[in-house]
């Protein structure tokens, strides 16, 4: 299991930007894919974005395409989520997600995740 430490959440106004970071305790050699999920008030946890560790291939939820960008630092085993054009509906707790190597590189639902971060709150006011 990986230990994941997130940072970068906060309270912003609509249209603002935030950058989330997540550092993994596991080396890149054992990492298959990392990503971000979020859980809004009264909602289920949903995928936001994911990036495969070796190739850097990315996938996004339709609701964030064109506004959010996921990236990674392979050497530091760190994943980032740049969030631009934030909307009130982006409000929620954002969780870093990790899936080990040598498994499927799909990271779509919470059941695909092998380890979670503690979560960081993002609040967007209108």
N, C-alpha and C. Protein backbone atom coordinates (compact mmCIF):
# COMPACT_ATOMS: atom_id res chain seq x y z
N UNK A 1 0.83 -1.18 0.00
CA UNK A 1 0.00 0.00 0.00
C UNK A 1 0.87 1.24 0.00
N UNK A 2 0.42 2.27 -0.67
CA UNK A 2 1.14 3.53 -0.72
C UNK A 2 0.54 4.49 0.30
N UNK A 3 1.41 5.29 0.88
CA UNK A 3 0.94 6.39 1.71
C UNK A 3 0.94 7.64 0.83
N UNK A 4 -0.19 8.32 0.79
CA UNK A 4 -0.36 9.45 -0.10
C UNK A 4 -0.63 10.70 0.74
N UNK A 5 0.10 11.77 0.46
CA UNK A 5 -0.06 13.02 1.20
C UNK A 5 -0.43 14.12 0.22
N UNK A 6 -1.60 14.70 0.43
CA UNK A 6 -2.13 15.73 -0.46
C UNK A 6 -1.94 17.11 0.13
N UNK A 7 -1.95 18.10 -0.75
CA UNK A 7 -1.92 19.50 -0.34
C UNK A 7 -2.50 20.36 -1.45
N UNK A 8 -2.89 21.59 -1.08
CA UNK A 8 -3.29 22.55 -2.10
C UNK A 8 -4.74 22.94 -2.14
N UNK A 9 -5.59 22.36 -1.32
CA UNK A 9 -6.99 22.74 -1.33
C UNK A 9 -7.19 24.13 -0.73
N UNK A 10 -8.44 24.60 -0.77
CA UNK A 10 -8.73 25.90 -0.18
C UNK A 10 -10.08 26.43 -0.59
N UNK A 11 -10.32 27.68 -0.20
CA UNK A 11 -11.57 28.37 -0.51
C UNK A 11 -11.27 29.45 -1.54
N UNK A 12 -11.97 29.39 -2.68
CA UNK A 12 -11.76 30.35 -3.75
C UNK A 12 -13.10 30.78 -4.33
N UNK A 13 -13.05 31.85 -5.10
CA UNK A 13 -14.25 32.30 -5.81
C UNK A 13 -14.34 31.63 -7.18
N UNK A 14 -15.54 31.60 -7.70
CA UNK A 14 -15.75 31.03 -9.03
C UNK A 14 -14.84 31.71 -10.05
N UNK A 15 -14.26 30.90 -10.92
CA UNK A 15 -13.35 31.41 -11.94
C UNK A 15 -11.89 31.35 -11.55
N UNK A 16 -11.62 31.13 -10.28
CA UNK A 16 -10.25 31.09 -9.79
C UNK A 16 -9.59 29.74 -10.12
N UNK A 17 -8.32 29.65 -9.73
CA UNK A 17 -7.54 28.43 -9.98
C UNK A 17 -6.96 27.91 -8.68
N UNK A 18 -6.75 26.60 -8.65
CA UNK A 18 -6.06 25.94 -7.55
C UNK A 18 -5.21 24.83 -8.13
N UNK A 19 -4.14 24.48 -7.42
CA UNK A 19 -3.30 23.36 -7.83
C UNK A 19 -3.16 22.40 -6.66
N UNK A 20 -3.58 21.18 -6.86
CA UNK A 20 -3.44 20.14 -5.85
C UNK A 20 -2.19 19.32 -6.14
N UNK A 21 -1.56 18.86 -5.07
CA UNK A 21 -0.39 17.99 -5.18
C UNK A 21 -0.60 16.76 -4.32
N UNK A 22 0.00 15.65 -4.74
CA UNK A 22 -0.08 14.41 -3.97
C UNK A 22 1.24 13.68 -4.11
N UNK A 23 1.90 13.44 -2.99
CA UNK A 23 3.18 12.72 -2.98
C UNK A 23 2.94 11.30 -2.49
N UNK A 24 3.47 10.35 -3.21
CA UNK A 24 3.34 8.94 -2.84
C UNK A 24 4.62 8.46 -2.18
N UNK A 25 4.44 7.59 -1.18
CA UNK A 25 5.61 7.01 -0.51
C UNK A 25 6.21 5.85 -1.30
N UNK A 26 5.47 5.35 -2.27
CA UNK A 26 5.96 4.22 -3.04
C UNK A 26 6.75 4.71 -4.26
N UNK A 27 7.73 3.94 -4.71
CA UNK A 27 8.52 4.36 -5.87
C UNK A 27 7.71 4.26 -7.16
N UNK A 28 8.16 4.97 -8.16
CA UNK A 28 7.47 4.96 -9.45
C UNK A 28 7.42 3.56 -10.04
N UNK A 29 8.41 2.73 -9.74
CA UNK A 29 8.46 1.39 -10.32
C UNK A 29 7.29 0.52 -9.88
N UNK A 30 6.68 0.85 -8.75
CA UNK A 30 5.55 0.06 -8.26
C UNK A 30 4.20 0.73 -8.53
N UNK A 31 4.23 1.85 -9.25
CA UNK A 31 3.02 2.63 -9.50
C UNK A 31 2.50 2.39 -10.91
N UNK A 32 1.24 2.05 -11.01
CA UNK A 32 0.64 1.83 -12.32
C UNK A 32 -0.08 3.06 -12.84
N UNK A 33 -0.91 3.61 -11.98
CA UNK A 33 -1.68 4.78 -12.36
C UNK A 33 -2.05 5.55 -11.10
N UNK A 34 -2.09 6.87 -11.22
CA UNK A 34 -2.54 7.73 -10.12
C UNK A 34 -3.59 8.69 -10.65
N UNK A 35 -4.37 9.20 -9.71
CA UNK A 35 -5.42 10.11 -10.15
C UNK A 35 -6.07 10.83 -9.00
N UNK A 36 -7.17 11.49 -9.33
CA UNK A 36 -7.93 12.25 -8.35
C UNK A 36 -9.41 11.89 -8.46
N UNK A 37 -10.02 11.72 -7.30
CA UNK A 37 -11.45 11.59 -7.18
C UNK A 37 -11.96 12.75 -6.32
N UNK A 38 -13.24 12.99 -6.36
CA UNK A 38 -13.82 14.00 -5.47
C UNK A 38 -15.18 13.52 -4.99
N UNK A 39 -15.56 14.09 -3.84
CA UNK A 39 -16.86 13.76 -3.26
C UNK A 39 -17.51 15.05 -2.80
N UNK A 40 -18.57 15.43 -3.50
CA UNK A 40 -19.31 16.62 -3.12
C UNK A 40 -20.31 16.32 -2.02
N UNK A 41 -20.87 17.36 -1.40
CA UNK A 41 -21.85 17.17 -0.31
C UNK A 41 -23.03 16.31 -0.78
N UNK A 42 -23.27 15.22 -0.09
CA UNK A 42 -24.38 14.36 -0.43
C UNK A 42 -24.22 13.57 -1.69
N UNK A 43 -23.02 13.53 -2.23
CA UNK A 43 -22.79 12.83 -3.49
C UNK A 43 -21.83 11.66 -3.29
N UNK A 44 -21.82 10.77 -4.27
CA UNK A 44 -20.88 9.67 -4.24
C UNK A 44 -19.51 10.15 -4.74
N UNK A 45 -18.50 9.42 -4.36
CA UNK A 45 -17.16 9.73 -4.82
C UNK A 45 -17.05 9.43 -6.31
N UNK A 46 -16.49 10.38 -7.06
CA UNK A 46 -16.40 10.23 -8.51
C UNK A 46 -15.00 10.56 -9.00
N UNK A 47 -14.65 9.93 -10.10
CA UNK A 47 -13.34 10.18 -10.69
C UNK A 47 -13.30 11.57 -11.32
N UNK A 48 -12.17 12.24 -11.17
CA UNK A 48 -11.94 13.54 -11.80
C UNK A 48 -10.95 13.39 -12.96
N UNK A 49 -9.81 12.77 -12.66
CA UNK A 49 -8.77 12.61 -13.68
C UNK A 49 -7.80 11.52 -13.25
N UNK A 50 -7.11 10.95 -14.25
CA UNK A 50 -6.13 9.91 -13.96
C UNK A 50 -4.99 10.00 -14.97
N UNK A 51 -3.82 9.49 -14.55
CA UNK A 51 -2.66 9.50 -15.43
C UNK A 51 -1.89 8.19 -15.25
N UNK A 52 -1.60 7.50 -16.34
CA UNK A 52 -0.80 6.28 -16.24
C UNK A 52 0.64 6.67 -15.99
N UNK A 53 1.31 5.89 -15.14
CA UNK A 53 2.58 6.37 -14.62
C UNK A 53 3.72 6.29 -15.63
N UNK A 54 3.80 5.23 -16.39
CA UNK A 54 4.90 5.12 -17.33
C UNK A 54 4.71 5.99 -18.58
N UNK A 55 3.55 5.90 -19.19
CA UNK A 55 3.33 6.62 -20.45
C UNK A 55 2.79 8.03 -20.24
N UNK A 56 2.18 8.28 -19.11
CA UNK A 56 1.60 9.60 -18.89
C UNK A 56 0.32 9.84 -19.64
N UNK A 57 -0.39 8.78 -20.01
CA UNK A 57 -1.67 8.93 -20.67
C UNK A 57 -2.72 9.42 -19.67
N UNK A 58 -3.56 10.36 -20.12
CA UNK A 58 -4.50 10.99 -19.21
C UNK A 58 -5.95 10.73 -19.61
N UNK A 59 -6.81 10.71 -18.61
CA UNK A 59 -8.26 10.64 -18.82
C UNK A 59 -8.92 11.61 -17.85
N UNK A 60 -10.07 12.14 -18.27
CA UNK A 60 -10.78 13.14 -17.47
C UNK A 60 -12.27 12.86 -17.45
N UNK A 61 -12.91 13.28 -16.36
CA UNK A 61 -14.36 13.31 -16.34
C UNK A 61 -14.83 14.39 -17.32
N UNK A 62 -15.96 14.16 -17.95
CA UNK A 62 -16.47 15.13 -18.92
C UNK A 62 -16.67 16.51 -18.29
N UNK A 63 -17.04 16.53 -17.03
CA UNK A 63 -17.36 17.79 -16.35
C UNK A 63 -16.15 18.69 -16.15
N UNK A 64 -14.94 18.15 -16.27
CA UNK A 64 -13.74 18.96 -16.02
C UNK A 64 -12.85 19.11 -17.25
N UNK A 65 -13.20 18.45 -18.33
CA UNK A 65 -12.38 18.53 -19.55
C UNK A 65 -12.25 19.98 -20.00
N UNK A 66 -11.04 20.36 -20.34
CA UNK A 66 -10.78 21.72 -20.79
C UNK A 66 -10.53 22.70 -19.66
N UNK A 67 -10.77 22.30 -18.42
CA UNK A 67 -10.54 23.19 -17.27
C UNK A 67 -9.46 22.64 -16.33
N UNK A 68 -9.41 21.33 -16.17
CA UNK A 68 -8.46 20.71 -15.26
C UNK A 68 -7.37 20.00 -16.06
N UNK A 69 -6.17 19.97 -15.49
CA UNK A 69 -5.05 19.28 -16.13
C UNK A 69 -4.32 18.45 -15.09
N UNK A 70 -4.18 17.17 -15.36
CA UNK A 70 -3.43 16.29 -14.47
C UNK A 70 -2.03 16.09 -15.05
N UNK A 71 -1.05 16.06 -14.16
CA UNK A 71 0.33 15.84 -14.59
C UNK A 71 1.08 15.10 -13.50
N UNK A 72 2.28 14.65 -13.81
CA UNK A 72 3.05 13.90 -12.82
C UNK A 72 4.51 14.26 -12.88
N UNK A 73 5.18 14.06 -11.78
CA UNK A 73 6.64 14.12 -11.72
C UNK A 73 7.09 12.69 -11.41
N UNK A 74 7.61 12.04 -12.43
CA UNK A 74 7.93 10.61 -12.30
C UNK A 74 8.97 10.37 -11.21
N UNK A 75 9.98 11.18 -11.18
CA UNK A 75 11.08 10.98 -10.23
C UNK A 75 10.67 11.20 -8.79
N UNK A 76 9.70 12.09 -8.58
CA UNK A 76 9.26 12.41 -7.22
C UNK A 76 8.00 11.63 -6.84
N UNK A 77 7.49 10.80 -7.75
CA UNK A 77 6.23 10.06 -7.54
C UNK A 77 5.16 11.01 -7.00
N UNK A 78 5.00 12.10 -7.69
CA UNK A 78 4.04 13.14 -7.31
C UNK A 78 3.09 13.39 -8.47
N UNK A 79 1.82 13.51 -8.14
CA UNK A 79 0.81 13.83 -9.14
C UNK A 79 0.19 15.17 -8.79
N UNK A 80 -0.14 15.94 -9.82
CA UNK A 80 -0.70 17.27 -9.65
C UNK A 80 -2.05 17.36 -10.35
N UNK A 81 -2.87 18.25 -9.86
CA UNK A 81 -4.12 18.56 -10.53
C UNK A 81 -4.25 20.09 -10.59
N UNK A 82 -4.06 20.64 -11.78
CA UNK A 82 -4.24 22.06 -11.99
C UNK A 82 -5.70 22.30 -12.33
N UNK A 83 -6.37 23.10 -11.52
CA UNK A 83 -7.80 23.36 -11.70
C UNK A 83 -8.00 24.82 -12.03
N UNK A 84 -8.44 25.09 -13.24
CA UNK A 84 -8.71 26.45 -13.70
C UNK A 84 -10.21 26.62 -13.96
N UNK A 85 -10.65 27.85 -13.94
CA UNK A 85 -12.07 28.09 -14.19
C UNK A 85 -12.98 27.37 -13.23
N UNK A 86 -12.63 27.38 -11.96
CA UNK A 86 -13.40 26.63 -10.98
C UNK A 86 -14.85 27.12 -10.89
N UNK A 87 -15.73 26.17 -10.66
CA UNK A 87 -17.16 26.44 -10.54
C UNK A 87 -17.65 25.97 -9.18
N UNK A 88 -18.77 26.53 -8.70
CA UNK A 88 -19.30 26.06 -7.40
C UNK A 88 -19.55 24.54 -7.38
N UNK A 89 -19.92 23.97 -8.48
CA UNK A 89 -20.17 22.53 -8.52
C UNK A 89 -18.89 21.69 -8.43
N UNK A 90 -17.74 22.33 -8.45
CA UNK A 90 -16.47 21.62 -8.22
C UNK A 90 -16.18 21.45 -6.72
N UNK A 91 -16.99 22.04 -5.89
CA UNK A 91 -16.80 21.95 -4.44
C UNK A 91 -16.87 20.51 -3.96
N UNK A 92 -15.94 20.15 -3.08
CA UNK A 92 -15.94 18.82 -2.51
C UNK A 92 -14.60 18.49 -1.89
N UNK A 93 -14.51 17.29 -1.38
CA UNK A 93 -13.24 16.79 -0.87
C UNK A 93 -12.56 16.03 -2.02
N UNK A 94 -11.33 16.40 -2.30
CA UNK A 94 -10.57 15.79 -3.39
C UNK A 94 -9.58 14.78 -2.80
N UNK A 95 -9.64 13.57 -3.34
CA UNK A 95 -8.82 12.47 -2.85
C UNK A 95 -7.84 12.03 -3.92
N UNK A 96 -6.61 11.88 -3.51
CA UNK A 96 -5.59 11.29 -4.37
C UNK A 96 -5.78 9.77 -4.37
N UNK A 97 -5.58 9.16 -5.52
CA UNK A 97 -5.79 7.71 -5.66
C UNK A 97 -4.58 7.07 -6.32
N UNK A 98 -4.27 5.86 -5.89
CA UNK A 98 -3.09 5.13 -6.38
C UNK A 98 -3.46 3.70 -6.68
N UNK A 99 -2.97 3.21 -7.82
CA UNK A 99 -3.14 1.81 -8.16
C UNK A 99 -1.78 1.24 -8.52
N UNK A 100 -1.51 0.06 -8.02
CA UNK A 100 -0.18 -0.51 -8.16
C UNK A 100 0.07 -0.96 -9.60
N UNK A 101 1.34 -1.10 -9.92
CA UNK A 101 1.75 -1.59 -11.22
C UNK A 101 1.40 -3.07 -11.37
N UNK A 102 1.45 -3.56 -12.59
CA UNK A 102 1.21 -4.97 -12.93
C UNK A 102 -0.24 -5.35 -12.74
N UNK A 103 -1.10 -4.37 -12.68
CA UNK A 103 -2.54 -4.57 -12.70
C UNK A 103 -3.11 -3.76 -13.86
N UNK A 104 -4.39 -3.81 -14.05
CA UNK A 104 -5.03 -2.96 -15.04
C UNK A 104 -4.72 -1.49 -14.75
N UNK A 105 -4.58 -0.72 -15.81
CA UNK A 105 -4.31 0.71 -15.66
C UNK A 105 -5.60 1.54 -15.66
N UNK A 106 -6.69 0.84 -15.53
CA UNK A 106 -7.97 1.55 -15.44
C UNK A 106 -8.12 2.14 -14.05
N UNK A 107 -8.50 3.40 -14.00
CA UNK A 107 -8.79 4.07 -12.72
C UNK A 107 -10.06 4.87 -12.96
N UNK A 108 -11.18 4.21 -12.78
CA UNK A 108 -12.46 4.82 -13.12
C UNK A 108 -13.41 4.89 -11.94
N UNK A 109 -13.45 3.84 -11.14
CA UNK A 109 -14.34 3.80 -9.99
C UNK A 109 -13.53 3.61 -8.71
N UNK A 110 -14.11 3.91 -7.56
CA UNK A 110 -13.38 3.71 -6.30
C UNK A 110 -12.88 2.28 -6.09
N UNK A 111 -13.54 1.30 -6.69
CA UNK A 111 -13.09 -0.08 -6.51
C UNK A 111 -11.80 -0.37 -7.27
N UNK A 112 -11.39 0.52 -8.17
CA UNK A 112 -10.13 0.35 -8.90
C UNK A 112 -8.92 0.79 -8.07
N UNK A 113 -9.16 1.46 -6.95
CA UNK A 113 -8.11 2.12 -6.19
C UNK A 113 -7.51 1.20 -5.12
N UNK A 114 -6.18 1.16 -5.04
CA UNK A 114 -5.49 0.38 -4.01
C UNK A 114 -5.15 1.20 -2.77
N UNK A 115 -5.00 2.51 -2.93
CA UNK A 115 -4.68 3.35 -1.77
C UNK A 115 -5.24 4.76 -2.00
N UNK A 116 -5.68 5.38 -0.89
CA UNK A 116 -6.27 6.72 -0.93
C UNK A 116 -5.46 7.68 -0.09
N UNK A 117 -5.47 8.95 -0.50
CA UNK A 117 -4.98 10.00 0.37
C UNK A 117 -6.05 10.37 1.38
N UNK A 118 -5.70 11.29 2.29
CA UNK A 118 -6.62 11.66 3.37
C UNK A 118 -7.71 12.62 2.90
N UNK A 119 -7.51 13.23 1.75
CA UNK A 119 -8.48 14.17 1.20
C UNK A 119 -8.13 15.61 1.52
N UNK A 120 -8.44 16.50 0.59
CA UNK A 120 -8.24 17.93 0.79
C UNK A 120 -9.49 18.67 0.31
N UNK A 121 -9.95 19.63 1.11
CA UNK A 121 -11.20 20.31 0.81
C UNK A 121 -10.98 21.41 -0.22
N UNK A 122 -11.86 21.42 -1.22
CA UNK A 122 -11.91 22.50 -2.20
C UNK A 122 -13.31 23.09 -2.14
N UNK A 123 -13.38 24.38 -1.87
CA UNK A 123 -14.67 25.07 -1.80
C UNK A 123 -14.65 26.24 -2.77
N UNK A 124 -15.63 26.27 -3.66
CA UNK A 124 -15.73 27.33 -4.66
C UNK A 124 -17.01 28.11 -4.41
N UNK A 125 -16.87 29.38 -4.09
CA UNK A 125 -18.04 30.22 -3.83
C UNK A 125 -18.47 30.93 -5.11
N UNK A 126 -19.75 31.21 -5.18
CA UNK A 126 -20.30 31.87 -6.39
C UNK A 126 -20.26 33.38 -6.27
